[in-house]
Amino acid sequence: MSQAQAQENRQRVVATASRMFREKGTAVSIADLMKAAGLTPGGFYKQFGSKEDLVDEAIAHTFDEQAAHSAAAPEGQAG
């Protein structure tokens, strides 16, 4: 797998985790999360040291998305 593909997969997992954690909480299993991202559970540990590392990245991703959304909204229309 190329480095670019690995980075793309990592971003897909983070985005999927961000969505799933918001919908279902952080009790989502790694297997379910990776299945939703279209990847195998074994690939998780090639990308992340632990589920907690992923939770941290997913939270940061959520805040980044919200900040981008707020910045794109017309004045007085944010949030």
PDB file of N, CA and C in Angstrom:
ATOM      1  N   MET A   1       0.858  -1.180   0.000  1.00  0.00           N
ATOM      2  CA  MET A   1       0.000   0.000   0.000  1.00  0.00           C
ATOM      3  C   MET A   1       0.900   1.237   0.000  1.00  0.00           C
ATOM      4  N   SER A   2       0.549   2.192  -0.820  1.00  0.00           N
ATOM      5  CA  SER A   2       1.332   3.416  -0.886  1.00  0.00           C
ATOM      6  C   SER A   2       1.070   4.285   0.340  1.00  0.00           C
ATOM      7  N   GLN A   3       1.989   5.203   0.580  1.00  0.00           N
ATOM      8  CA  GLN A   3       1.834   6.122   1.710  1.00  0.00           C
ATOM      9  C   GLN A   3       0.587   6.991   1.520  1.00  0.00           C
ATOM     10  N   ALA A   4       0.317   7.388   0.286  1.00  0.00           N
ATOM     11  CA  ALA A   4      -0.874   8.203   0.011  1.00  0.00           C
ATOM     12  C   ALA A   4      -2.150   7.413   0.307  1.00  0.00           C
ATOM     13  N   GLN A   5      -2.178   6.137  -0.070  1.00  0.00           N
ATOM     14  CA  GLN A   5      -3.344   5.297   0.199  1.00  0.00           C
ATOM     15  C   GLN A   5      -3.524   5.093   1.699  1.00  0.00           C
ATOM     16  N   ALA A   6      -2.421   4.891   2.409  1.00  0.00           N
ATOM     17  CA  ALA A   6      -2.492   4.721   3.860  1.00  0.00           C
ATOM     18  C   ALA A   6      -3.053   5.982   4.519  1.00  0.00           C
ATOM     19  N   GLN A   7      -2.624   7.153   4.049  1.00  0.00           N
ATOM     20  CA  GLN A   7      -3.129   8.407   4.607  1.00  0.00           C
ATOM     21  C   GLN A   7      -4.611   8.590   4.289  1.00  0.00           C
ATOM     22  N   GLU A   8      -5.008   8.226   3.080  1.00  0.00           N
ATOM     23  CA  GLU A   8      -6.419   8.311   2.698  1.00  0.00           C
ATOM     24  C   GLU A   8      -7.269   7.380   3.575  1.00  0.00           C
ATOM     25  N   ASN A   9      -6.784   6.170   3.800  1.00  0.00           N
ATOM     26  CA  ASN A   9      -7.504   5.222   4.653  1.00  0.00           C
ATOM     27  C   ASN A   9      -7.618   5.757   6.077  1.00  0.00           C
ATOM     28  N   ARG A  10      -6.541   6.331   6.580  1.00  0.00           N
ATOM     29  CA  ARG A  10      -6.557   6.881   7.941  1.00  0.00           C
ATOM     30  C   ARG A  10      -7.613   7.985   8.043  1.00  0.00           C
ATOM     31  N   GLN A  11      -7.660   8.879   7.061  1.00  0.00           N
ATOM     32  CA  GLN A  11      -8.637   9.957   7.074  1.00  0.00           C
ATOM     33  C   GLN A  11     -10.061   9.407   6.983  1.00  0.00           C
ATOM     34  N   ARG A  12     -10.242   8.342   6.216  1.00  0.00           N
ATOM     35  CA  ARG A  12     -11.560   7.719   6.107  1.00  0.00           C
ATOM     36  C   ARG A  12     -11.993   7.149   7.460  1.00  0.00           C
ATOM     37  N   VAL A  13     -11.062   6.499   8.166  1.00  0.00           N
ATOM     38  CA  VAL A  13     -11.371   5.940   9.479  1.00  0.00           C
ATOM     39  C   VAL A  13     -11.706   7.062  10.465  1.00  0.00           C
ATOM     40  N   VAL A  14     -10.927   8.124  10.455  1.00  0.00           N
ATOM     41  CA  VAL A  14     -11.173   9.243  11.377  1.00  0.00           C
ATOM     42  C   VAL A  14     -12.537   9.874  11.095  1.00  0.00           C
ATOM     43  N   ALA A  15     -12.855  10.106   9.835  1.00  0.00           N
ATOM     44  CA  ALA A  15     -14.150  10.706   9.481  1.00  0.00           C
ATOM     45  C   ALA A  15     -15.302   9.773   9.865  1.00  0.00           C
ATOM     46  N   THR A  16     -15.142   8.482   9.606  1.00  0.00           N
ATOM     47  CA  THR A  16     -16.179   7.511   9.968  1.00  0.00           C
ATOM     48  C   THR A  16     -16.340   7.455  11.479  1.00  0.00           C
ATOM     49  N   ALA A  17     -15.235   7.436  12.197  1.00  0.00           N
ATOM     50  CA  ALA A  17     -15.289   7.402  13.659  1.00  0.00           C
ATOM     51  C   ALA A  17     -15.953   8.660  14.205  1.00  0.00           C
ATOM     52  N   SER A  18     -15.638   9.790  13.640  1.00  0.00           N
ATOM     53  CA  SER A  18     -16.234  11.050  14.082  1.00  0.00           C
ATOM     54  C   SER A  18     -17.752  10.976  13.989  1.00  0.00           C
ATOM     55  N   ARG A  19     -18.234  10.488  12.852  1.00  0.00           N
ATOM     56  CA  ARG A  19     -19.682  10.362  12.656  1.00  0.00           C
ATOM     57  C   ARG A  19     -20.289   9.327  13.599  1.00  0.00           C
ATOM     58  N   MET A  20     -19.671   8.158  13.662  1.00  0.00           N
ATOM     59  CA  MET A  20     -20.237   7.077  14.475  1.00  0.00           C
ATOM     60  C   MET A  20     -20.196   7.404  15.967  1.00  0.00           C
ATOM     61  N   PHE A  21     -19.132   8.041  16.424  1.00  0.00           N
ATOM     62  CA  PHE A  21     -19.046   8.404  17.832  1.00  0.00           C
ATOM     63  C   PHE A  21     -20.115   9.429  18.194  1.00  0.00           C
ATOM     64  N   ARG A  22     -20.401  10.344  17.286  1.00  0.00           N
ATOM     65  CA  ARG A  22     -21.470  11.322  17.545  1.00  0.00           C
ATOM     66  C   ARG A  22     -22.830  10.625  17.594  1.00  0.00           C
ATOM     67  N   GLU A  23     -23.029   9.648  16.720  1.00  0.00           N
ATOM     68  CA  GLU A  23     -24.319   8.960  16.649  1.00  0.00           C
ATOM     69  C   GLU A  23     -24.520   7.944  17.771  1.00  0.00           C
ATOM     70  N   LYS A  24     -23.450   7.196  18.126  1.00  0.00           N
ATOM     71  CA  LYS A  24     -23.609   6.041  19.006  1.00  0.00           C
ATOM     72  C   LYS A  24     -22.728   6.078  20.248  1.00  0.00           C
ATOM     73  N   GLY A  25     -21.878   7.072  20.387  1.00  0.00           N
ATOM     74  CA  GLY A  25     -20.943   7.119  21.498  1.00  0.00           C
ATOM     75  C   GLY A  25     -19.677   6.338  21.184  1.00  0.00           C
ATOM     76  N   THR A  26     -18.714   6.430  22.071  1.00  0.00           N
ATOM     77  CA  THR A  26     -17.415   5.801  21.820  1.00  0.00           C
ATOM     78  C   THR A  26     -17.390   4.307  22.114  1.00  0.00           C
ATOM     79  N   ALA A  27     -18.527   3.737  22.489  1.00  0.00           N
ATOM     80  CA  ALA A  27     -18.594   2.293  22.719  1.00  0.00           C
ATOM     81  C   ALA A  27     -18.635   1.503  21.412  1.00  0.00           C
ATOM     82  N   VAL A  28     -18.668   2.184  20.276  1.00  0.00           N
ATOM     83  CA  VAL A  28     -18.641   1.520  18.972  1.00  0.00           C
ATOM     84  C   VAL A  28     -17.403   0.629  18.912  1.00  0.00           C
ATOM     85  N   SER A  29     -17.567  -0.584  18.441  1.00  0.00           N
ATOM     86  CA  SER A  29     -16.426  -1.498  18.364  1.00  0.00           C
ATOM     87  C   SER A  29     -15.522  -1.136  17.181  1.00  0.00           C
ATOM     88  N   ILE A  30     -14.263  -1.493  17.324  1.00  0.00           N
ATOM     89  CA  ILE A  30     -13.298  -1.283  16.235  1.00  0.00           C
ATOM     90  C   ILE A  30     -13.767  -2.047  14.998  1.00  0.00           C
ATOM     91  N   ALA A  31     -14.261  -3.268  15.177  1.00  0.00           N
ATOM     92  CA  ALA A  31     -14.715  -4.073  14.048  1.00  0.00           C
ATOM     93  C   ALA A  31     -15.855  -3.371  13.302  1.00  0.00           C
ATOM     94  N   ASP A  32     -16.837  -2.843  14.037  1.00  0.00           N
ATOM     95  CA  ASP A  32     -17.962  -2.158  13.399  1.00  0.00           C
ATOM     96  C   ASP A  32     -17.511  -0.865  12.709  1.00  0.00           C
ATOM     97  N   LEU A  33     -16.623  -0.151  13.365  1.00  0.00           N
ATOM     98  CA  LEU A  33     -16.129   1.093  12.802  1.00  0.00           C
ATOM     99  C   LEU A  33     -15.367   0.842  11.499  1.00  0.00           C
ATOM    100  N   MET A  34     -14.475  -0.133  11.527  1.00  0.00           N
ATOM    101  CA  MET A  34     -13.680  -0.433  10.335  1.00  0.00           C
ATOM    102  C   MET A  34     -14.562  -0.969   9.209  1.00  0.00           C
ATOM    103  N   LYS A  35     -15.568  -1.767   9.555  1.00  0.00           N
ATOM    104  CA  LYS A  35     -16.502  -2.257   8.536  1.00  0.00           C
ATOM    105  C   LYS A  35     -17.221  -1.082   7.885  1.00  0.00           C
ATOM    106  N   ALA A  36     -17.668  -0.127   8.691  1.00  0.00           N
ATOM    107  CA  ALA A  36     -18.357   1.051   8.149  1.00  0.00           C
ATOM    108  C   ALA A  36     -17.436   1.881   7.266  1.00  0.00           C
ATOM    109  N   ALA A  37     -16.139   1.860   7.561  1.00  0.00           N
ATOM    110  CA  ALA A  37     -15.163   2.599   6.753  1.00  0.00           C
ATOM    111  C   ALA A  37     -14.752   1.813   5.509  1.00  0.00           C
ATOM    112  N   GLY A  38     -15.202   0.560   5.418  1.00  0.00           N
ATOM    113  CA  GLY A  38     -14.865  -0.269   4.262  1.00  0.00           C
ATOM    114  C   GLY A  38     -13.475  -0.873   4.340  1.00  0.00           C
ATOM    115  N   LEU A  39     -12.966  -1.031   5.569  1.00  0.00           N
ATOM    116  CA  LEU A  39     -11.626  -1.574   5.765  1.00  0.00           C
ATOM    117  C   LEU A  39     -11.681  -2.743   6.748  1.00  0.00           C
ATOM    118  N   THR A  40     -10.589  -3.488   6.846  1.00  0.00           N
ATOM    119  CA  THR A  40     -10.554  -4.624   7.757  1.00  0.00           C
ATOM    120  C   THR A  40     -10.115  -4.177   9.152  1.00  0.00           C
ATOM    121  N   PRO A  41     -10.597  -4.867  10.190  1.00  0.00           N
ATOM    122  CA  PRO A  41     -10.214  -4.500  11.553  1.00  0.00           C
ATOM    123  C   PRO A  41      -8.707  -4.571  11.793  1.00  0.00           C
ATOM    124  N   GLY A  42      -8.039  -5.496  11.143  1.00  0.00           N
ATOM    125  CA  GLY A  42      -6.588  -5.621  11.317  1.00  0.00           C
ATOM    126  C   GLY A  42      -5.836  -4.371  10.896  1.00  0.00           C
ATOM    127  N   GLY A  43      -6.373  -3.649   9.949  1.00  0.00           N
ATOM    128  CA  GLY A  43      -5.730  -2.426   9.489  1.00  0.00           C
ATOM    129  C   GLY A  43      -5.747  -1.308  10.514  1.00  0.00           C
ATOM    130  N   PHE A  44      -6.653  -1.414  11.476  1.00  0.00           N
ATOM    131  CA  PHE A  44      -6.769  -0.362  12.489  1.00  0.00           C
ATOM    132  C   PHE A  44      -5.446  -0.150  13.206  1.00  0.00           C
ATOM    133  N   TYR A  45      -4.830  -1.235  13.646  1.00  0.00           N
ATOM    134  CA  TYR A  45      -3.631  -1.127  14.469  1.00  0.00           C
ATOM    135  C   TYR A  45      -2.386  -0.757  13.675  1.00  0.00           C
ATOM    136  N   LYS A  46      -2.486  -0.766  12.351  1.00  0.00           N
ATOM    137  CA  LYS A  46      -1.405  -0.235  11.527  1.00  0.00           C
ATOM    138  C   LYS A  46      -1.478   1.291  11.496  1.00  0.00           C
ATOM    139  N   GLN A  47      -2.668   1.827  11.744  1.00  0.00           N
ATOM    140  CA  GLN A  47      -2.896   3.269  11.649  1.00  0.00           C
ATOM    141  C   GLN A  47      -2.913   3.971  13.007  1.00  0.00           C
ATOM    142  N   PHE A  48      -3.366   3.285  14.049  1.00  0.00           N
ATOM    143  CA  PHE A  48      -3.587   3.909  15.355  1.00  0.00           C
ATOM    144  C   PHE A  48      -2.980   3.051  16.454  1.00  0.00           C
ATOM    145  N   GLY A  49      -2.440   3.688  17.470  1.00  0.00           N
ATOM    146  CA  GLY A  49      -1.864   2.964  18.591  1.00  0.00           C
ATOM    147  C   GLY A  49      -2.923   2.359  19.486  1.00  0.00           C
ATOM    148  N   SER A  50      -4.079   3.027  19.565  1.00  0.00           N
ATOM    149  CA  SER A  50      -5.154   2.556  20.434  1.00  0.00           C
ATOM    150  C   SER A  50      -6.462   3.213  20.011  1.00  0.00           C
ATOM    151  N   LYS A  51      -7.545   2.704  20.557  1.00  0.00           N
ATOM    152  CA  LYS A  51      -8.843   3.311  20.290  1.00  0.00           C
ATOM    153  C   LYS A  51      -8.872   4.730  20.847  1.00  0.00           C
ATOM    154  N   GLU A  52      -8.225   4.943  21.983  1.00  0.00           N
ATOM    155  CA  GLU A  52      -8.182   6.279  22.575  1.00  0.00           C
ATOM    156  C   GLU A  52      -7.521   7.288  21.635  1.00  0.00           C
ATOM    157  N   ASP A  53      -6.471   6.850  20.914  1.00  0.00           N
ATOM    158  CA  ASP A  53      -5.829   7.730  19.933  1.00  0.00           C
ATOM    159  C   ASP A  53      -6.830   8.122  18.847  1.00  0.00           C
ATOM    160  N   LEU A  54      -7.621   7.148  18.402  1.00  0.00           N
ATOM    161  CA  LEU A  54      -8.630   7.431  17.386  1.00  0.00           C
ATOM    162  C   LEU A  54      -9.702   8.368  17.935  1.00  0.00           C
ATOM    163  N   VAL A  55     -10.141   8.155  19.164  1.00  0.00           N
ATOM    164  CA  VAL A  55     -11.144   9.035  19.767  1.00  0.00           C
ATOM    165  C   VAL A  55     -10.624  10.471  19.768  1.00  0.00           C
ATOM    166  N   ASP A  56      -9.370  10.663  20.161  1.00  0.00           N
ATOM    167  CA  ASP A  56      -8.786  12.006  20.171  1.00  0.00           C
ATOM    168  C   ASP A  56      -8.801  12.635  18.772  1.00  0.00           C
ATOM    169  N   GLU A  57      -8.397  11.864  17.769  1.00  0.00           N
ATOM    170  CA  GLU A  57      -8.387  12.386  16.401  1.00  0.00           C
ATOM    171  C   GLU A  57      -9.797  12.659  15.889  1.00  0.00           C
ATOM    172  N   ALA A  58     -10.729  11.787  16.230  1.00  0.00           N
ATOM    173  CA  ALA A  58     -12.114  11.966  15.779  1.00  0.00           C
ATOM    174  C   ALA A  58     -12.718  13.229  16.391  1.00  0.00           C
ATOM    175  N   ILE A  59     -12.414  13.493  17.651  1.00  0.00           N
ATOM    176  CA  ILE A  59     -12.909  14.708  18.298  1.00  0.00           C
ATOM    177  C   ILE A  59     -12.318  15.935  17.605  1.00  0.00           C
ATOM    178  N   ALA A  60     -11.020  15.911  17.351  1.00  0.00           N
ATOM    179  CA  ALA A  60     -10.373  17.033  16.657  1.00  0.00           C
ATOM    180  C   ALA A  60     -10.990  17.224  15.268  1.00  0.00           C
ATOM    181  N   HIS A  61     -11.264  16.117  14.578  1.00  0.00           N
ATOM    182  CA  HIS A  61     -11.886  16.182  13.248  1.00  0.00           C
ATOM    183  C   HIS A  61     -13.264  16.846  13.330  1.00  0.00           C
ATOM    184  N   THR A  62     -14.037  16.487  14.343  1.00  0.00           N
ATOM    185  CA  THR A  62     -15.364  17.073  14.522  1.00  0.00           C
ATOM    186  C   THR A  62     -15.264  18.570  14.738  1.00  0.00           C
ATOM    187  N   PHE A  63     -14.344  19.001  15.597  1.00  0.00           N
ATOM    188  CA  PHE A  63     -14.169  20.432  15.838  1.00  0.00           C
ATOM    189  C   PHE A  63     -13.711  21.155  14.577  1.00  0.00           C
ATOM    190  N   ASP A  64     -12.809  20.532  13.806  1.00  0.00           N
ATOM    191  CA  ASP A  64     -12.348  21.144  12.552  1.00  0.00           C
ATOM    192  C   ASP A  64     -13.504  21.304  11.574  1.00  0.00           C
ATOM    193  N   GLU A  65     -14.358  20.268  11.463  1.00  0.00           N
ATOM    194  CA  GLU A  65     -15.522  20.345  10.575  1.00  0.00           C
ATOM    195  C   GLU A  65     -16.457  21.467  11.009  1.00  0.00           C
ATOM    196  N   GLN A  66     -16.694  21.567  12.305  1.00  0.00           N
ATOM    197  CA  GLN A  66     -17.591  22.605  12.820  1.00  0.00           C
ATOM    198  C   GLN A  66     -17.014  23.992  12.572  1.00  0.00           C
ATOM    199  N   ALA A  67     -15.718  24.146  12.757  1.00  0.00           N
ATOM    200  CA  ALA A  67     -15.071  25.435  12.532  1.00  0.00           C
ATOM    201  C   ALA A  67     -15.157  25.819  11.057  1.00  0.00           C
ATOM    202  N   ALA A  68     -14.946  24.862  10.180  1.00  0.00           N
ATOM    203  CA  ALA A  68     -15.033  25.138   8.746  1.00  0.00           C
ATOM    204  C   ALA A  68     -16.453  25.494   8.352  1.00  0.00           C
ATOM    205  N   HIS A  69     -17.424  24.797   8.930  1.00  0.00           N
ATOM    206  CA  HIS A  69     -18.827  25.072   8.645  1.00  0.00           C
ATOM    207  C   HIS A  69     -19.196  26.467   9.124  1.00  0.00           C
ATOM    208  N   SER A  70     -18.744  26.818  10.325  1.00  0.00           N
ATOM    209  CA  SER A  70     -19.053  28.146  10.887  1.00  0.00           C
ATOM    210  C   SER A  70     -18.408  29.247  10.065  1.00  0.00           C
ATOM    211  N   ALA A  71     -17.188  29.011   9.607  1.00  0.00           N
ATOM    212  CA  ALA A  71     -16.480  30.018   8.807  1.00  0.00           C
ATOM    213  C   ALA A  71     -17.149  30.211   7.449  1.00  0.00           C
ATOM    214  N   ALA A  72     -17.779  29.161   6.930  1.00  0.00           N
ATOM    215  CA  ALA A  72     -18.421  29.251   5.625  1.00  0.00           C
ATOM    216  C   ALA A  72     -19.821  29.844   5.698  1.00  0.00           C
ATOM    217  N   ALA A  73     -20.412  29.869   6.883  1.00  0.00           N
ATOM    218  CA  ALA A  73     -21.783  30.375   7.039  1.00  0.00           C
ATOM    219  C   ALA A  73     -21.788  31.911   6.954  1.00  0.00           C
ATOM    220  N   PRO A  74     -22.827  32.475   6.374  1.00  0.00           N
ATOM    221  CA  PRO A  74     -22.944  33.924   6.344  1.00  0.00           C
ATOM    222  C   PRO A  74     -23.005  34.482   7.774  1.00  0.00           C
ATOM    223  N   GLU A  75     -22.532  35.677   7.934  1.00  0.00           N
ATOM    224  CA  GLU A  75     -22.530  36.294   9.264  1.00  0.00           C
ATOM    225  C   GLU A  75     -23.920  36.249   9.881  1.00  0.00           C
ATOM    226  N   GLY A  76     -23.971  35.835  11.134  1.00  0.00           N
ATOM    227  CA  GLY A  76     -25.251  35.731  11.821  1.00  0.00           C
ATOM    228  C   GLY A  76     -25.955  34.421  11.576  1.00  0.00           C
ATOM    229  N   GLN A  77     -25.410  33.566  10.716  1.00  0.00           N
ATOM    230  CA  GLN A  77     -26.048  32.284  10.389  1.00  0.00           C
ATOM    231  C   GLN A  77     -25.247  31.096  10.896  1.00  0.00           C
ATOM    232  N   ALA A  78     -24.150  31.317  11.609  1.00  0.00           N
ATOM    233  CA  ALA A  78     -23.293  30.219  12.070  1.00  0.00           C
ATOM    234  C   ALA A  78     -24.044  29.373  13.098  1.00  0.00           C
ATOM    235  N   GLY A  79     -23.713  28.056  13.061  1.00  0.00           N
ATOM    236  CA  GLY A  79     -24.180  27.116  14.063  1.00  0.00           C
ATOM    237  C   GLY A  79     -25.604  26.816  14.006  1.00  0.00           C
TER     238      GLY A  79
END
